[in-house]
Each structure stands twice: as C-alpha cells, then as structure tokens.
C-alpha cells in the first residue's frame, strides 16, 4: 500500500495523479521524513521510502514497485 504525507508540498499533485492512475493509497498526517518531504515528491510503498525529482517520475517508480 502506498502512503502519502499530507504535509508534503506536492501532496495534492501526487494524490490527484495516483487517483488518475487508479492506484490505491492512504493519507497520513506525517510520515516522519520532514527533510525529504520538503525537498522532493515522495511516498512510502511496501515499507520503503521512494522519492523522485518530479511527481511524474515518482509515479513511474511507484508503478515499478508494485
């Protein structure tokens, strides 16, 4: 299951893109990675943190991680 940090600066864009791609995810208030959260789009998938330089690249990585 993909988990998103609601505090992330790119939260809205990531969640919309995940919905548009019919990918299931959970919203979390905080994932405890504040430095990463404010630097790059990221999510937690299968217990590991995944980040990328853009939301598009993050979605691609998340699809590959299924």
PDB file of N, CA and C in Angstrom:
ATOM      1  N   UNK A   1       0.841  -1.188   0.000  1.00  0.00           N
ATOM      2  CA  UNK A   1       0.000   0.000   0.000  1.00  0.00           C
ATOM      3  C   UNK A   1       0.884   1.249   0.000  1.00  0.00           C
ATOM      4  N   UNK A   2       0.524   2.192  -0.808  1.00  0.00           N
ATOM      5  CA  UNK A   2       1.232   3.469  -0.902  1.00  0.00           C
ATOM      6  C   UNK A   2       0.686   4.407   0.176  1.00  0.00           C
ATOM      7  N   UNK A   3       1.593   5.071   0.857  1.00  0.00           N
ATOM      8  CA  UNK A   3       1.205   6.040   1.886  1.00  0.00           C
ATOM      9  C   UNK A   3       1.783   7.397   1.520  1.00  0.00           C
ATOM     10  N   UNK A   4       0.941   8.430   1.648  1.00  0.00           N
ATOM     11  CA  UNK A   4       1.361   9.801   1.340  1.00  0.00           C
ATOM     12  C   UNK A   4       1.336  10.660   2.587  1.00  0.00           C
ATOM     13  N   UNK A   5       2.281  11.576   2.677  1.00  0.00           N
ATOM     14  CA  UNK A   5       2.333  12.540   3.774  1.00  0.00           C
ATOM     15  C   UNK A   5       1.510  13.764   3.394  1.00  0.00           C
ATOM     16  N   UNK A   6       0.496  14.075   4.209  1.00  0.00           N
ATOM     17  CA  UNK A   6      -0.347  15.236   3.922  1.00  0.00           C
ATOM     18  C   UNK A   6       0.412  16.552   4.053  1.00  0.00           C
ATOM     19  N   UNK A   7       1.545  16.531   4.745  1.00  0.00           N
ATOM     20  CA  UNK A   7       2.333  17.747   4.935  1.00  0.00           C
ATOM     21  C   UNK A   7       3.256  18.041   3.759  1.00  0.00           C
ATOM     22  N   UNK A   8       3.375  17.106   2.839  1.00  0.00           N
ATOM     23  CA  UNK A   8       4.262  17.266   1.689  1.00  0.00           C
ATOM     24  C   UNK A   8       3.786  18.410   0.798  1.00  0.00           C
ATOM     25  N   UNK A   9       4.739  19.170   0.302  1.00  0.00           N
ATOM     26  CA  UNK A   9       4.397  20.298  -0.578  1.00  0.00           C
ATOM     27  C   UNK A   9       3.746  19.831  -1.880  1.00  0.00           C
ATOM     28  N   UNK A  10       4.019  18.602  -2.291  1.00  0.00           N
ATOM     29  CA  UNK A  10       3.449  18.087  -3.543  1.00  0.00           C
ATOM     30  C   UNK A  10       2.317  17.084  -3.287  1.00  0.00           C
ATOM     31  N   UNK A  11       1.776  17.066  -2.070  1.00  0.00           N
ATOM     32  CA  UNK A  11       0.723  16.113  -1.692  1.00  0.00           C
ATOM     33  C   UNK A  11      -0.467  16.141  -2.656  1.00  0.00           C
ATOM     34  N   UNK A  12      -1.006  17.319  -2.931  1.00  0.00           N
ATOM     35  CA  UNK A  12      -2.206  17.415  -3.778  1.00  0.00           C
ATOM     36  C   UNK A  12      -1.941  16.878  -5.184  1.00  0.00           C
ATOM     37  N   UNK A  13      -0.804  17.226  -5.749  1.00  0.00           N
ATOM     38  CA  UNK A  13      -0.470  16.776  -7.098  1.00  0.00           C
ATOM     39  C   UNK A  13      -0.252  15.257  -7.133  1.00  0.00           C
ATOM     40  N   UNK A  14       0.442  14.738  -6.114  1.00  0.00           N
ATOM     41  CA  UNK A  14       0.685  13.292  -6.062  1.00  0.00           C
ATOM     42  C   UNK A  14      -0.637  12.536  -5.903  1.00  0.00           C
ATOM     43  N   UNK A  15      -1.483  12.961  -4.977  1.00  0.00           N
ATOM     44  CA  UNK A  15      -2.739  12.245  -4.747  1.00  0.00           C
ATOM     45  C   UNK A  15      -3.649  12.296  -5.975  1.00  0.00           C
ATOM     46  N   UNK A  16      -3.694  13.435  -6.660  1.00  0.00           N
ATOM     47  CA  UNK A  16      -4.506  13.528  -7.876  1.00  0.00           C
ATOM     48  C   UNK A  16      -3.975  12.585  -8.947  1.00  0.00           C
ATOM     49  N   UNK A  17      -2.658  12.554  -9.118  1.00  0.00           N
ATOM     50  CA  UNK A  17      -2.051  11.702 -10.137  1.00  0.00           C
ATOM     51  C   UNK A  17      -2.269  10.224  -9.811  1.00  0.00           C
ATOM     52  N   UNK A  18      -2.161   9.862  -8.541  1.00  0.00           N
ATOM     53  CA  UNK A  18      -2.426   8.471  -8.144  1.00  0.00           C
ATOM     54  C   UNK A  18      -3.880   8.095  -8.436  1.00  0.00           C
ATOM     55  N   UNK A  19      -4.815   8.997  -8.107  1.00  0.00           N
ATOM     56  CA  UNK A  19      -6.238   8.747  -8.398  1.00  0.00           C
ATOM     57  C   UNK A  19      -6.459   8.593  -9.898  1.00  0.00           C
ATOM     58  N   UNK A  20      -5.846   9.476 -10.679  1.00  0.00           N
ATOM     59  CA  UNK A  20      -5.994   9.430 -12.139  1.00  0.00           C
ATOM     60  C   UNK A  20      -5.452   8.126 -12.731  1.00  0.00           C
ATOM     61  N   UNK A  21      -4.483   7.506 -12.037  1.00  0.00           N
ATOM     62  CA  UNK A  21      -3.884   6.251 -12.488  1.00  0.00           C
ATOM     63  C   UNK A  21      -4.489   5.032 -11.786  1.00  0.00           C
ATOM     64  N   UNK A  22      -5.598   5.249 -11.073  1.00  0.00           N
ATOM     65  CA  UNK A  22      -6.300   4.178 -10.355  1.00  0.00           C
ATOM     66  C   UNK A  22      -5.382   3.397  -9.423  1.00  0.00           C
ATOM     67  N   UNK A  23      -4.513   4.120  -8.727  1.00  0.00           N
ATOM     68  CA  UNK A  23      -3.599   3.500  -7.770  1.00  0.00           C
ATOM     69  C   UNK A  23      -4.111   3.770  -6.354  1.00  0.00           C
ATOM     70  N   UNK A  24      -4.205   2.719  -5.542  1.00  0.00           N
ATOM     71  CA  UNK A  24      -4.691   2.863  -4.178  1.00  0.00           C
ATOM     72  C   UNK A  24      -3.604   3.453  -3.286  1.00  0.00           C
ATOM     73  N   UNK A  25      -4.036   4.314  -2.347  1.00  0.00           N
ATOM     74  CA  UNK A  25      -3.093   4.919  -1.415  1.00  0.00           C
ATOM     75  C   UNK A  25      -3.820   5.362  -0.159  1.00  0.00           C
ATOM     76  N   UNK A  26      -3.044   5.600   0.883  1.00  0.00           N
ATOM     77  CA  UNK A  26      -3.559   6.096   2.159  1.00  0.00           C
ATOM     78  C   UNK A  26      -2.960   7.473   2.423  1.00  0.00           C
ATOM     79  N   UNK A  27      -3.732   8.285   3.148  1.00  0.00           N
ATOM     80  CA  UNK A  27      -3.255   9.599   3.569  1.00  0.00           C
ATOM     81  C   UNK A  27      -2.763   9.472   5.013  1.00  0.00           C
ATOM     82  N   UNK A  28      -1.605  10.001   5.289  1.00  0.00           N
ATOM     83  CA  UNK A  28      -1.080  10.045   6.652  1.00  0.00           C
ATOM     84  C   UNK A  28      -0.751  11.489   6.990  1.00  0.00           C
ATOM     85  N   UNK A  29      -0.991  11.887   8.240  1.00  0.00           N
ATOM     86  CA  UNK A  29      -0.694  13.251   8.640  1.00  0.00           C
ATOM     87  C   UNK A  29       0.798  13.542   8.506  1.00  0.00           C
ATOM     88  N   UNK A  30       1.633  12.569   8.904  1.00  0.00           N
ATOM     89  CA  UNK A  30       3.078  12.743   8.818  1.00  0.00           C
ATOM     90  C   UNK A  30       3.737  11.372   8.705  1.00  0.00           C
ATOM     91  N   UNK A  31       4.740  11.271   7.863  1.00  0.00           N
ATOM     92  CA  UNK A  31       5.488  10.017   7.714  1.00  0.00           C
ATOM     93  C   UNK A  31       6.872  10.112   8.353  1.00  0.00           C
ATOM     94  N   UNK A  32       7.155  11.223   9.035  1.00  0.00           N
ATOM     95  CA  UNK A  32       8.403  11.363   9.773  1.00  0.00           C
ATOM     96  C   UNK A  32       9.653  11.555   8.925  1.00  0.00           C
ATOM     97  N   UNK A  33       9.500  12.043   7.725  1.00  0.00           N
ATOM     98  CA  UNK A  33      10.646  12.300   6.838  1.00  0.00           C
ATOM     99  C   UNK A  33      10.609  13.759   6.380  1.00  0.00           C
ATOM    100  N   UNK A  34      10.584  14.662   7.331  1.00  0.00           N
ATOM    101  CA  UNK A  34      10.378  16.082   7.029  1.00  0.00           C
ATOM    102  C   UNK A  34      11.401  16.657   6.050  1.00  0.00           C
ATOM    103  N   UNK A  35      12.666  16.288   6.174  1.00  0.00           N
ATOM    104  CA  UNK A  35      13.671  16.791   5.241  1.00  0.00           C
ATOM    105  C   UNK A  35      13.377  16.354   3.826  1.00  0.00           C
ATOM    106  N   UNK A  36      13.050  15.101   3.645  1.00  0.00           N
ATOM    107  CA  UNK A  36      12.710  14.550   2.333  1.00  0.00           C
ATOM    108  C   UNK A  36      11.389  15.138   1.831  1.00  0.00           C
ATOM    109  N   UNK A  37      10.469  15.277   2.740  1.00  0.00           N
ATOM    110  CA  UNK A  37       9.114  15.761   2.431  1.00  0.00           C
ATOM    111  C   UNK A  37       9.138  17.138   1.761  1.00  0.00           C
ATOM    112  N   UNK A  38      10.033  17.993   2.206  1.00  0.00           N
ATOM    113  CA  UNK A  38      10.071  19.356   1.674  1.00  0.00           C
ATOM    114  C   UNK A  38      11.022  19.522   0.497  1.00  0.00           C
ATOM    115  N   UNK A  39      11.828  18.493   0.214  1.00  0.00           N
ATOM    116  CA  UNK A  39      12.791  18.588  -0.885  1.00  0.00           C
ATOM    117  C   UNK A  39      12.308  17.971  -2.188  1.00  0.00           C
ATOM    118  N   UNK A  40      11.636  16.823  -2.108  1.00  0.00           N
ATOM    119  CA  UNK A  40      11.252  16.068  -3.303  1.00  0.00           C
ATOM    120  C   UNK A  40       9.885  15.419  -3.111  1.00  0.00           C
ATOM    121  N   UNK A  41       9.174  15.165  -4.207  1.00  0.00           N
ATOM    122  CA  UNK A  41       7.964  14.351  -4.103  1.00  0.00           C
ATOM    123  C   UNK A  41       8.359  12.960  -3.603  1.00  0.00           C
ATOM    124  N   UNK A  42       7.615  12.432  -2.615  1.00  0.00           N
ATOM    125  CA  UNK A  42       7.941  11.108  -2.100  1.00  0.00           C
ATOM    126  C   UNK A  42       6.695  10.415  -1.580  1.00  0.00           C
ATOM    127  N   UNK A  43       6.822   9.110  -1.388  1.00  0.00           N
ATOM    128  CA  UNK A  43       5.759   8.290  -0.816  1.00  0.00           C
ATOM    129  C   UNK A  43       6.419   7.098  -0.134  1.00  0.00           C
ATOM    130  N   UNK A  44       5.637   6.404   0.653  1.00  0.00           N
ATOM    131  CA  UNK A  44       6.116   5.170   1.271  1.00  0.00           C
ATOM    132  C   UNK A  44       5.361   4.029   0.604  1.00  0.00           C
ATOM    133  N   UNK A  45       6.091   3.048   0.112  1.00  0.00           N
ATOM    134  CA  UNK A  45       5.480   1.922  -0.589  1.00  0.00           C
ATOM    135  C   UNK A  45       6.138   0.631  -0.126  1.00  0.00           C
ATOM    136  N   UNK A  46       5.315  -0.298   0.340  1.00  0.00           N
ATOM    137  CA  UNK A  46       5.815  -1.589   0.834  1.00  0.00           C
ATOM    138  C   UNK A  46       6.893  -1.402   1.892  1.00  0.00           C
ATOM    139  N   UNK A  47       6.711  -0.409   2.763  1.00  0.00           N
ATOM    140  CA  UNK A  47       7.623  -0.190   3.874  1.00  0.00           C
ATOM    141  C   UNK A  47       8.884   0.584   3.562  1.00  0.00           C
ATOM    142  N   UNK A  48       9.064   1.012   2.307  1.00  0.00           N
ATOM    143  CA  UNK A  48      10.268   1.780   1.975  1.00  0.00           C
ATOM    144  C   UNK A  48       9.881   3.133   1.373  1.00  0.00           C
ATOM    145  N   UNK A  49      10.739   4.106   1.625  1.00  0.00           N
ATOM    146  CA  UNK A  49      10.505   5.448   1.108  1.00  0.00           C
ATOM    147  C   UNK A  49      11.052   5.559  -0.314  1.00  0.00           C
ATOM    148  N   UNK A  50      10.238   6.141  -1.178  1.00  0.00           N
ATOM    149  CA  UNK A  50      10.613   6.327  -2.581  1.00  0.00           C
ATOM    150  C   UNK A  50      10.455   7.810  -2.897  1.00  0.00           C
ATOM    151  N   UNK A  51      11.487   8.401  -3.484  1.00  0.00           N
ATOM    152  CA  UNK A  51      11.414   9.810  -3.866  1.00  0.00           C
ATOM    153  C   UNK A  51      11.891   9.968  -5.300  1.00  0.00           C
ATOM    154  N   UNK A  52      11.583  11.126  -5.870  1.00  0.00           N
ATOM    155  CA  UNK A  52      11.979  11.422  -7.246  1.00  0.00           C
ATOM    156  C   UNK A  52      12.063  12.938  -7.411  1.00  0.00           C
ATOM    157  N   UNK A  53      12.612  13.358  -8.550  1.00  0.00           N
ATOM    158  CA  UNK A  53      12.755  14.780  -8.832  1.00  0.00           C
ATOM    159  C   UNK A  53      11.441  15.430  -9.257  1.00  0.00           C
ATOM    160  N   UNK A  54      10.470  14.621  -9.692  1.00  0.00           N
ATOM    161  CA  UNK A  54       9.174  15.155 -10.116  1.00  0.00           C
ATOM    162  C   UNK A  54       8.078  14.161  -9.748  1.00  0.00           C
ATOM    163  N   UNK A  55       6.848  14.644  -9.754  1.00  0.00           N
ATOM    164  CA  UNK A  55       5.706  13.775  -9.453  1.00  0.00           C
ATOM    165  C   UNK A  55       5.600  12.682 -10.512  1.00  0.00           C
ATOM    166  N   UNK A  56       5.818  13.024 -11.767  1.00  0.00           N
ATOM    167  CA  UNK A  56       5.722  12.041 -12.851  1.00  0.00           C
ATOM    168  C   UNK A  56       6.726  10.904 -12.649  1.00  0.00           C
ATOM    169  N   UNK A  57       7.961  11.264 -12.273  1.00  0.00           N
ATOM    170  CA  UNK A  57       8.991  10.250 -12.042  1.00  0.00           C
ATOM    171  C   UNK A  57       8.664   9.410 -10.810  1.00  0.00           C
ATOM    172  N   UNK A  58       8.070  10.039  -9.796  1.00  0.00           N
ATOM    173  CA  UNK A  58       7.670   9.291  -8.597  1.00  0.00           C
ATOM    174  C   UNK A  58       6.599   8.267  -8.942  1.00  0.00           C
ATOM    175  N   UNK A  59       5.600   8.661  -9.711  1.00  0.00           N
ATOM    176  CA  UNK A  59       4.521   7.734 -10.096  1.00  0.00           C
ATOM    177  C   UNK A  59       5.095   6.566 -10.876  1.00  0.00           C
ATOM    178  N   UNK A  60       6.034   6.842 -11.768  1.00  0.00           N
ATOM    179  CA  UNK A  60       6.667   5.770 -12.547  1.00  0.00           C
ATOM    180  C   UNK A  60       7.379   4.792 -11.613  1.00  0.00           C
ATOM    181  N   UNK A  61       8.125   5.302 -10.631  1.00  0.00           N
ATOM    182  CA  UNK A  61       8.808   4.447  -9.676  1.00  0.00           C
ATOM    183  C   UNK A  61       7.809   3.627  -8.853  1.00  0.00           C
ATOM    184  N   UNK A  62       6.704   4.244  -8.457  1.00  0.00           N
ATOM    185  CA  UNK A  62       5.692   3.541  -7.665  1.00  0.00           C
ATOM    186  C   UNK A  62       5.036   2.429  -8.476  1.00  0.00           C
ATOM    187  N   UNK A  63       4.818   2.665  -9.754  1.00  0.00           N
ATOM    188  CA  UNK A  63       4.246   1.625 -10.618  1.00  0.00           C
ATOM    189  C   UNK A  63       5.214   0.453 -10.747  1.00  0.00           C
ATOM    190  N   UNK A  64       6.501   0.738 -10.854  1.00  0.00           N
ATOM    191  CA  UNK A  64       7.509  -0.307 -10.974  1.00  0.00           C
ATOM    192  C   UNK A  64       7.662  -1.098  -9.680  1.00  0.00           C
ATOM    193  N   UNK A  65       7.304  -0.481  -8.555  1.00  0.00           N
ATOM    194  CA  UNK A  65       7.468  -1.105  -7.233  1.00  0.00           C
ATOM    195  C   UNK A  65       6.332  -2.044  -6.864  1.00  0.00           C
ATOM    196  N   UNK A  66       5.288  -2.092  -7.666  1.00  0.00           N
ATOM    197  CA  UNK A  66       4.119  -2.935  -7.342  1.00  0.00           C
ATOM    198  C   UNK A  66       4.480  -4.377  -7.181  1.00  0.00           C
TER     199      UNK A  66
END
